[in-house]
């Protein structure tokens, strides 16, 4: 990517400090978002349009807990080789190993709700969660994403609290962010039970991000390739 437009939405995990200490020559523009309401679609649409006005050929709307990559080449290779204006990012999830601190287990099956990169245009709208973009044109496969939704119980609890508060402050349909609402209604003991149950294979109806029936040991490194995901499916 040629440039990253990063906005910190009230993080409490030192993300802002990490960004502030990044080398000055990195192509990263950092801003702060003090609006607490869960208006993700509107916020991401504004950022995408800022990228368009700055001359971006492609927009990849991503969260800090995602590792994007190309399927069969780099991200740049994939985007340069397609004439389509929208490229799907197939998404798989990895979760902490309940039996080994610091280790991960991958659910190698594609999550039902992928994300996507797109060529920006005036009037394009990014949907909630970055799972859709409303703009005309063909949609083709080509990208992959390893998503790390939960890293510890403390992060799980903090994210639930943040998400549920943001939804309470927004005027959205009851179905929007349903998992944040349901998890946010739990007390401490219920959240801990949900956390341990999820990592042990129990299905938690309130949780949108949880392992499937089969997971495999997985190494989360800076040099991840989509071939690693394909190999985990064999």
Protein backbone atom coordinates (compact mmCIF):
# COMPACT_ATOMS: atom_id res chain seq x y z
CA UNK A 1 0.00 0.00 0.00
CA UNK A 2 1.22 3.48 -0.81
CA UNK A 3 -0.43 5.22 2.12
CA UNK A 4 -2.34 4.34 5.30
CA UNK A 5 -5.01 6.62 6.73
CA UNK A 6 -5.40 5.56 10.37
CA UNK A 7 -7.94 6.93 12.84
CA UNK A 8 -7.86 5.92 16.51
CA UNK A 9 -11.36 5.59 17.99
CA UNK A 10 -10.67 5.85 21.71
CA UNK A 11 -8.43 2.80 22.03
CA UNK A 12 -7.18 1.86 25.51
CA UNK A 13 -4.48 -0.66 24.53
CA UNK A 14 -1.66 1.81 23.74
CA UNK A 15 -2.43 1.74 20.01
CA UNK A 16 -2.05 5.53 19.88
CA UNK A 17 1.38 5.31 21.52
CA UNK A 18 2.53 2.73 18.98
CA UNK A 19 1.37 4.95 16.13
CA UNK A 20 3.07 7.99 17.64
CA UNK A 21 6.37 6.11 17.90
CA UNK A 22 6.29 4.84 14.31
CA UNK A 23 9.15 6.00 12.07
CA UNK A 24 8.40 9.40 10.57
CA UNK A 25 9.14 8.19 7.04
CA UNK A 26 6.32 5.62 7.07
CA UNK A 27 3.43 6.62 4.79
CA UNK A 28 0.95 6.71 7.69
CA UNK A 29 -1.44 9.57 8.40
CA UNK A 30 -2.84 9.35 11.94
CA UNK A 31 -5.95 11.02 13.28
CA UNK A 32 -8.23 10.77 16.31
CA UNK A 33 -11.95 10.07 16.38
CA UNK A 34 -13.60 11.31 19.58
CA UNK A 35 -17.16 10.51 18.44
CA UNK A 36 -18.15 7.55 20.59
CA UNK A 37 -21.34 6.48 18.79
CA UNK A 38 -21.17 3.32 16.66
CA UNK A 39 -21.35 5.01 13.25
CA UNK A 40 -18.76 2.81 11.56
CA UNK A 41 -20.30 2.86 8.09
CA UNK A 42 -20.41 6.65 7.97
CA UNK A 43 -16.91 7.04 9.40
CA UNK A 44 -15.30 4.55 7.01
CA UNK A 45 -17.14 6.11 4.07
CA UNK A 46 -15.72 9.52 4.99
CA UNK A 47 -12.19 8.07 5.19
CA UNK A 48 -12.60 6.28 1.86
CA UNK A 49 -13.74 9.49 0.20
CA UNK A 50 -10.75 11.32 1.67
CA UNK A 51 -8.53 8.67 0.06
CA UNK A 52 -10.36 9.14 -3.25
CA UNK A 53 -9.84 12.90 -3.15
CA UNK A 54 -6.14 12.31 -2.43
CA UNK A 55 -5.86 10.25 -5.62
CA UNK A 56 -6.07 6.67 -4.31
CA UNK A 57 -6.56 4.03 -7.01
CA UNK A 58 -7.81 1.45 -4.47
CA UNK A 59 -9.19 1.54 -0.94
CA UNK A 60 -8.70 -1.33 1.54
CA UNK A 61 -10.87 -0.64 4.60
CA UNK A 62 -9.22 -2.67 7.34
CA UNK A 63 -9.11 -2.97 11.12
CA UNK A 64 -5.98 -3.31 13.24
CA UNK A 65 -6.80 -6.96 14.05
CA UNK A 66 -6.66 -8.05 10.39
CA UNK A 67 -3.76 -9.32 8.26
CA UNK A 68 -4.51 -8.76 4.57
CA UNK A 69 -2.71 -10.60 1.76
CA UNK A 70 -3.09 -11.54 -1.87
CA UNK A 71 -4.18 -14.96 -3.06
CA UNK A 72 -1.50 -15.89 -5.58
CA UNK A 73 0.72 -12.84 -5.25
CA UNK A 74 1.01 -9.63 -3.29
CA UNK A 75 -1.96 -7.36 -2.66
CA UNK A 76 -0.57 -4.96 -5.26
CA UNK A 77 -0.19 -7.78 -7.81
CA UNK A 78 -3.82 -8.82 -7.35
CA UNK A 79 -5.24 -5.31 -7.60
CA UNK A 80 -3.14 -4.33 -10.61
CA UNK A 81 -4.13 -7.46 -12.51
CA UNK A 82 -7.90 -7.02 -12.33
CA UNK A 83 -10.23 -4.77 -14.28
CA UNK A 84 -13.03 -5.27 -11.75
CA UNK A 85 -13.68 -2.43 -9.28
CA UNK A 86 -14.32 -4.69 -6.25
CA UNK A 87 -12.12 -7.53 -4.97
CA UNK A 88 -13.36 -9.82 -2.20
CA UNK A 89 -11.16 -10.53 0.81
CA UNK A 90 -11.89 -14.10 1.95
CA UNK A 91 -11.74 -14.06 5.74
CA UNK A 92 -10.56 -16.72 8.18
CA UNK A 93 -10.30 -16.39 11.95
CA UNK A 94 -7.59 -17.38 14.42
CA UNK A 95 -8.12 -17.69 18.18
CA UNK A 96 -5.93 -18.12 21.27
CA UNK A 97 -5.08 -21.72 22.08
CA UNK A 98 -6.78 -22.47 25.43
CA UNK A 99 -4.07 -24.99 26.33
CA UNK A 100 -0.96 -22.95 25.53
CA UNK A 101 -0.33 -19.30 26.37
CA UNK A 102 0.77 -17.26 23.38
CA UNK A 103 -0.20 -19.93 20.85
CA UNK A 104 -2.94 -19.72 18.23
CA UNK A 105 -5.39 -22.03 16.53
CA UNK A 106 -6.74 -21.32 13.06
CA UNK A 107 -10.25 -21.99 11.86
CA UNK A 108 -9.27 -22.54 8.21
CA UNK A 109 -12.80 -22.40 6.81
CA UNK A 110 -13.91 -19.12 5.27
CA UNK A 111 -16.12 -16.95 7.45
CA UNK A 112 -19.54 -16.34 5.93
CA UNK A 113 -19.06 -12.56 5.85
CA UNK A 114 -16.00 -11.54 3.77
CA UNK A 115 -14.61 -8.05 3.37
CA UNK A 116 -13.51 -6.24 0.24
CA UNK A 117 -11.24 -3.72 -1.43
CA UNK A 118 -12.58 -1.37 -4.08
CA UNK A 119 -11.80 1.36 -6.55
CA UNK A 120 -13.11 4.55 -4.95
CA UNK A 121 -15.71 6.68 -6.66
CA UNK A 122 -17.86 9.61 -5.66
CA UNK A 123 -20.92 8.36 -3.79
CA UNK A 124 -19.52 4.94 -2.81
CA UNK A 125 -20.67 3.82 0.65
CA UNK A 126 -18.92 1.28 2.90
CA UNK A 127 -21.34 -0.94 4.81
CA UNK A 128 -21.24 -1.74 8.51
CA UNK A 129 -18.20 -3.79 9.48
CA UNK A 130 -16.50 -3.14 6.12
CA UNK A 131 -18.23 -6.25 4.77
CA UNK A 132 -19.89 -4.51 1.81
CA UNK A 133 -19.36 -1.56 -0.47
CA UNK A 134 -22.20 0.07 -2.34
CA UNK A 135 -20.91 1.02 -5.77
CA UNK A 136 -21.52 -0.41 -9.26
CA UNK A 137 -19.26 -2.95 -10.92
CA UNK A 138 -18.16 -6.57 -10.97
CA UNK A 139 -17.00 -8.35 -7.83
CA UNK A 140 -14.12 -10.84 -8.13
CA UNK A 141 -12.09 -12.94 -5.64
CA UNK A 142 -8.39 -12.43 -5.05
CA UNK A 143 -7.57 -11.30 -1.50
CA UNK A 144 -7.36 -13.07 1.85
CA UNK A 145 -7.59 -11.91 5.46
CA UNK A 146 -6.49 -13.55 8.70
CA UNK A 147 -8.63 -12.03 11.44
CA UNK A 148 -7.60 -12.10 15.12
CA UNK A 149 -10.82 -10.97 16.83
CA UNK A 150 -9.90 -12.01 20.37
CA UNK A 151 -6.42 -12.08 21.95
CA UNK A 152 -7.12 -12.42 25.68
CA UNK A 153 -10.05 -12.31 28.07
CA UNK A 154 -9.13 -8.76 29.08
CA UNK A 155 -9.15 -7.61 25.44
CA UNK A 156 -12.41 -9.52 24.83
CA UNK A 157 -14.07 -7.80 27.80
CA UNK A 158 -12.77 -4.34 26.87
CA UNK A 159 -13.91 -4.71 23.27
CA UNK A 160 -17.37 -5.84 24.36
CA UNK A 161 -17.69 -2.88 26.73
CA UNK A 162 -16.50 -0.42 24.08
CA UNK A 163 -18.77 -1.87 21.38
CA UNK A 164 -21.90 -1.97 23.52
CA UNK A 165 -21.38 1.62 24.75
CA UNK A 166 -20.89 2.83 21.18
CA UNK A 167 -24.11 1.12 20.09
CA UNK A 168 -26.02 2.64 23.00
CA UNK A 169 -24.89 6.07 21.81
CA UNK A 170 -26.02 5.48 18.20
CA UNK A 171 -29.48 5.50 16.66
CA UNK A 172 -29.30 2.17 14.82
CA UNK A 173 -31.60 -0.78 14.21
CA UNK A 174 -31.61 -3.41 16.95
CA UNK A 175 -29.95 -5.90 14.58
CA UNK A 176 -26.93 -3.65 14.03
CA UNK A 177 -24.03 -4.90 16.13
CA UNK A 178 -26.28 -7.52 17.67
CA UNK A 179 -23.33 -9.46 19.13
CA UNK A 180 -22.03 -6.39 20.98
CA UNK A 181 -25.47 -5.80 22.45
CA UNK A 182 -25.92 -9.39 23.64
CA UNK A 183 -22.41 -9.78 25.03
CA UNK A 184 -22.62 -6.33 26.62
CA UNK A 185 -25.67 -7.45 28.60
CA UNK A 186 -23.61 -10.15 30.37
CA UNK A 187 -22.01 -9.67 33.77
CA UNK A 188 -18.37 -10.51 34.53
CA UNK A 189 -18.97 -14.17 35.38
CA UNK A 190 -21.14 -14.71 32.31
CA UNK A 191 -18.50 -13.13 30.08
CA UNK A 192 -15.77 -15.35 31.56
CA UNK A 193 -17.94 -18.42 31.03
CA UNK A 194 -18.58 -17.36 27.42
CA UNK A 195 -14.84 -16.81 26.84
CA UNK A 196 -13.74 -20.18 28.19
CA UNK A 197 -16.66 -21.96 26.54
CA UNK A 198 -15.87 -20.42 23.15
CA UNK A 199 -12.20 -21.43 23.22
CA UNK A 200 -13.17 -24.95 24.32
CA UNK A 201 -15.46 -25.43 21.33
CA UNK A 202 -18.81 -24.50 22.86
CA UNK A 203 -21.09 -22.49 20.59
CA UNK A 204 -21.99 -19.13 22.13
CA UNK A 205 -25.12 -17.77 20.39
CA UNK A 206 -24.33 -14.21 21.48
CA UNK A 207 -20.91 -14.21 19.81
CA UNK A 208 -20.37 -13.47 16.10
CA UNK A 209 -16.68 -14.45 16.15
CA UNK A 210 -15.91 -17.96 17.42
CA UNK A 211 -14.05 -21.07 16.25
CA UNK A 212 -15.66 -23.62 13.96
CA UNK A 213 -15.77 -27.35 14.61
CA UNK A 214 -12.18 -27.89 13.41
CA UNK A 215 -9.16 -25.75 14.28
CA UNK A 216 -5.47 -26.37 13.69
CA UNK A 217 -2.28 -25.07 15.36
CA UNK A 218 -1.18 -21.91 13.61
CA UNK A 219 1.72 -19.48 13.78
CA UNK A 220 0.85 -15.80 13.50
CA UNK A 221 3.93 -14.16 11.99
CA UNK A 222 4.77 -11.05 10.01
CA UNK A 223 5.37 -13.19 6.91
CA UNK A 224 1.96 -14.82 6.55
CA UNK A 225 0.97 -15.99 3.06
CA UNK A 226 -2.35 -17.29 1.79
CA UNK A 227 -0.60 -20.57 0.94
CA UNK A 228 -0.35 -21.11 4.72
CA UNK A 229 -4.15 -20.99 4.94
CA UNK A 230 -4.61 -23.30 1.98
CA UNK A 231 -2.16 -25.79 3.52
CA UNK A 232 -4.10 -25.75 6.79
CA UNK A 233 -7.19 -26.95 4.91
CA UNK A 234 -5.52 -30.09 3.58
